Amino acid sequence: MKLFKIFAGIMGFFALVFVVSLFFPRTYKIEKTTVVNMHDHETFAYLNNIRNWADWSPWNTDLDSSMVFFLSKVTEGKGAAQYFRGGLVGNGRFRIVESIPNESIAYSLYIDMGEGSYMSISQKFVLKSLGGKTQLTWVDEGDVGMNPLYRFLLPSKIKSTEQGFEEGLAVIKKSAENRKLQMMQPLLQSLD
């Protein structure tokens, strides 16, 4: 009888967790925006080239000092990919899955962490012209389904993603603007 009460208590706890999780949202949309001091076509060209992602991506040697990168033959636009391998983060890739000139770039991130564990994320950048500048918005949206654990963890995922997007957009802005300045240096020097 005591064993039955313990079992019933455990089952009751899980039922309560499931019922409470129904009050948590299952879908989410995260958007963070910055303004880049470049024309939209320049900002698009910078982000659309997978070779530039090493400048700003948080998935770099700062995260995992053993990380090694490889690029696909296609380095711009749809199909461009950056593969990586590291002792801490495992094997993975970024791949541009949609590229609409001067409007948006959608990409997927896949990480194989070994032992059947993996992570897959789809996000996009949306660009809007503001005269000689670009409003750049980083978007992540999805559905965590009916899994009660995912629903409970969703608020912390949203908070950490928002923080990551804010930091990432600041790095993208700085990197893109610095790249433009570096490209203009020879022209400016020839005018002197």
Protein backbone atom coordinates (compact mmCIF):
# COMPACT_ATOMS: atom_id res chain seq x y z
CA MET A 1 0.00 0.00 0.00
CA LYS A 2 2.86 2.39 0.85
CA LEU A 3 4.46 1.71 -2.53
CA PHE A 4 1.14 2.50 -4.26
CA LYS A 5 0.93 5.87 -2.44
CA ILE A 6 4.47 6.76 -3.50
CA PHE A 7 3.70 5.80 -7.10
CA ALA A 8 0.42 7.75 -7.04
CA GLY A 9 2.23 10.77 -5.57
CA ILE A 10 4.86 10.70 -8.31
CA MET A 11 2.23 10.34 -11.03
CA GLY A 12 0.20 13.15 -9.46
CA PHE A 13 3.27 15.40 -9.45
CA PHE A 14 3.92 14.76 -13.15
CA ALA A 15 0.26 15.35 -13.98
CA LEU A 16 0.36 18.65 -12.08
CA VAL A 17 3.54 19.69 -13.92
CA PHE A 18 1.88 18.88 -17.25
CA VAL A 19 -1.29 20.82 -16.40
CA VAL A 20 0.68 23.85 -15.17
CA SER A 21 2.84 23.74 -18.33
CA LEU A 22 -0.31 24.23 -20.43
CA PHE A 23 -0.42 27.81 -19.12
CA PHE A 24 3.07 28.52 -20.48
CA PRO A 25 3.35 29.60 -24.13
CA ARG A 26 4.47 27.06 -26.69
CA THR A 27 5.41 29.51 -29.43
CA TYR A 28 7.91 32.33 -29.27
CA LYS A 29 9.30 35.13 -31.41
CA ILE A 30 12.44 37.01 -30.47
CA GLU A 31 13.49 40.15 -32.37
CA LYS A 32 16.35 42.52 -31.64
CA THR A 33 17.31 45.44 -33.85
CA THR A 34 20.25 47.75 -34.44
CA VAL A 35 21.14 50.37 -37.05
CA VAL A 36 24.26 49.76 -39.13
CA ASN A 37 25.91 52.82 -40.66
CA MET A 38 26.01 51.29 -44.13
CA HIS A 39 23.61 51.10 -47.08
CA ASP A 40 21.34 48.06 -47.04
CA HIS A 41 23.10 46.51 -50.04
CA GLU A 42 26.46 46.80 -48.25
CA THR A 43 25.11 45.28 -45.04
CA PHE A 44 23.45 42.51 -47.05
CA ALA A 45 26.68 41.77 -48.95
CA TYR A 46 28.60 41.57 -45.66
CA LEU A 47 26.16 39.14 -43.98
CA ASN A 48 25.50 37.15 -47.16
CA ASN A 49 29.19 36.15 -47.38
CA ILE A 50 29.82 33.22 -45.03
CA ARG A 51 33.56 34.10 -44.90
CA ASN A 52 32.64 37.20 -42.85
CA TRP A 53 30.79 35.20 -40.20
CA ALA A 54 34.07 34.45 -38.40
CA ASP A 55 34.22 38.22 -37.64
CA TRP A 56 31.04 38.23 -35.56
CA SER A 57 29.71 34.73 -34.85
CA PRO A 58 29.77 33.71 -31.18
CA TRP A 59 30.70 30.20 -32.40
CA ASN A 60 34.42 30.90 -32.59
CA THR A 61 37.73 30.13 -30.88
CA ASP A 62 36.74 32.37 -27.93
CA LEU A 63 34.03 29.80 -27.15
CA ASP A 64 36.21 26.76 -27.89
CA SER A 65 39.96 27.26 -28.43
CA SER A 66 40.21 23.92 -30.26
CA MET A 67 37.64 24.95 -32.88
CA VAL A 68 38.59 24.49 -36.55
CA PHE A 69 36.57 25.96 -39.45
CA PHE A 70 35.94 24.85 -43.04
CA LEU A 71 33.95 26.65 -45.72
CA SER A 72 31.79 25.18 -48.46
CA LYS A 73 32.66 25.84 -52.10
CA VAL A 74 29.71 28.23 -52.21
CA THR A 75 30.59 31.13 -49.89
CA GLU A 76 27.80 33.61 -50.71
CA GLY A 77 24.04 33.30 -50.67
CA LYS A 78 21.84 30.24 -50.45
CA GLY A 79 23.84 27.10 -49.80
CA ALA A 80 26.90 28.87 -48.37
CA ALA A 81 28.07 27.00 -45.29
CA GLN A 82 30.65 27.20 -42.53
CA TYR A 83 31.49 23.89 -40.88
CA PHE A 84 33.22 23.68 -37.52
CA ARG A 85 34.68 21.08 -35.22
CA GLY A 86 35.72 21.61 -31.61
CA GLY A 87 36.43 19.61 -28.48
CA LEU A 88 33.91 21.58 -26.41
CA VAL A 89 31.08 22.30 -28.87
CA GLY A 90 31.34 19.25 -31.11
CA ASN A 91 30.79 19.24 -34.87
CA GLY A 92 28.38 21.57 -36.62
CA ARG A 93 27.57 23.95 -39.40
CA PHE A 94 25.94 27.23 -40.30
CA ARG A 95 24.14 27.19 -43.66
CA ILE A 96 22.38 30.04 -45.45
CA VAL A 97 19.03 28.57 -46.48
CA GLU A 98 17.43 31.68 -47.99
CA SER A 99 18.94 34.87 -49.35
CA ILE A 100 16.71 37.67 -50.64
CA PRO A 101 18.93 40.56 -51.81
CA ASN A 102 18.82 43.58 -49.49
CA GLU A 103 15.83 42.12 -47.58
CA SER A 104 16.65 39.01 -45.56
CA ILE A 105 19.03 36.13 -44.93
CA ALA A 106 17.75 32.97 -43.24
CA TYR A 107 20.17 30.39 -41.88
CA SER A 108 20.26 27.16 -39.94
CA LEU A 109 22.69 26.11 -37.24
CA TYR A 110 23.17 22.40 -36.60
CA ILE A 111 25.44 21.01 -33.87
CA ASP A 112 26.13 17.31 -33.33
CA MET A 113 27.22 17.07 -29.69
CA GLY A 114 27.82 13.32 -29.86
CA GLU A 115 26.08 10.32 -28.35
CA GLY A 116 22.90 11.06 -30.29
CA SER A 117 22.59 14.59 -28.89
CA TYR A 118 22.17 17.47 -31.31
CA MET A 119 20.84 21.00 -31.55
CA SER A 120 19.17 22.59 -34.56
CA ILE A 121 18.22 26.27 -34.82
CA SER A 122 16.75 28.36 -37.65
CA GLN A 123 17.04 32.15 -37.51
CA LYS A 124 17.13 35.08 -39.91
CA PHE A 125 18.29 38.62 -40.45
CA VAL A 126 15.83 41.17 -41.82
CA LEU A 127 17.19 44.35 -43.42
CA LYS A 128 15.36 47.62 -43.97
CA SER A 129 16.81 50.64 -45.72
CA LEU A 130 16.98 53.84 -43.69
CA GLY A 131 18.46 56.14 -46.32
CA GLY A 132 22.21 55.54 -46.12
CA LYS A 133 21.85 53.20 -43.13
CA THR A 134 20.37 49.77 -42.50
CA GLN A 135 17.95 48.70 -39.80
CA LEU A 136 19.11 45.15 -39.05
CA THR A 137 16.78 42.85 -37.13
CA TRP A 138 17.80 39.39 -35.88
CA VAL A 139 14.78 37.07 -35.58
CA ASP A 140 14.26 33.70 -33.91
CA GLU A 141 10.83 32.15 -33.75
CA GLY A 142 9.51 28.69 -33.15
CA ASP A 143 7.23 26.27 -31.40
CA VAL A 144 8.39 24.10 -28.48
CA GLY A 145 5.34 21.86 -28.74
CA MET A 146 3.57 20.18 -25.86
CA ASN A 147 6.69 19.05 -23.98
CA PRO A 148 6.20 20.45 -20.45
CA LEU A 149 9.95 20.76 -19.80
CA TYR A 150 10.51 22.84 -22.96
CA ARG A 151 7.57 25.06 -22.03
CA PHE A 152 8.98 25.66 -18.53
CA LEU A 153 12.42 26.42 -19.96
CA LEU A 154 11.10 28.74 -22.70
CA PRO A 155 11.28 31.98 -20.62
CA SER A 156 14.97 31.37 -19.83
CA LYS A 157 15.67 30.51 -23.51
CA ILE A 158 14.02 33.77 -24.57
CA LYS A 159 16.02 35.79 -22.04
CA SER A 160 19.37 34.25 -23.01
CA THR A 161 18.62 34.56 -26.74
CA GLU A 162 17.66 38.23 -26.36
CA GLN A 163 20.92 38.92 -24.54
CA GLY A 164 22.87 36.99 -27.17
CA PHE A 165 21.16 38.89 -29.99
CA GLU A 166 21.90 42.28 -28.40
CA GLU A 167 25.57 41.40 -27.95
CA GLY A 168 25.75 39.80 -31.40
CA LEU A 169 24.17 42.77 -33.17
CA ALA A 170 26.69 45.11 -31.52
CA VAL A 171 29.52 42.91 -32.81
CA ILE A 172 27.98 42.68 -36.31
CA LYS A 173 27.56 46.47 -36.45
CA LYS A 174 31.14 47.09 -35.36
CA SER A 175 32.61 44.39 -37.65
CA ALA A 176 30.65 45.46 -40.74
CA GLU A 177 31.43 49.15 -40.24
CA ASN A 178 35.13 48.38 -39.60
CA ARG A 179 35.26 46.19 -42.73
CA LYS A 180 33.84 49.07 -44.77
CA LEU A 181 36.43 51.47 -43.31
CA GLN A 182 39.25 49.03 -44.10
CA MET A 183 38.04 48.75 -47.69
CA MET A 184 37.89 52.55 -48.00
CA GLN A 185 41.39 53.15 -46.55
CA PRO A 186 43.29 52.68 -49.85
CA LEU A 187 40.86 55.01 -51.63
CA LEU A 188 41.19 57.65 -48.93
CA GLN A 189 44.99 57.36 -48.97
CA SER A 190 45.10 57.80 -52.75
CA LEU A 191 43.15 61.04 -52.40
CA ASP A 192 45.78 62.51 -50.04
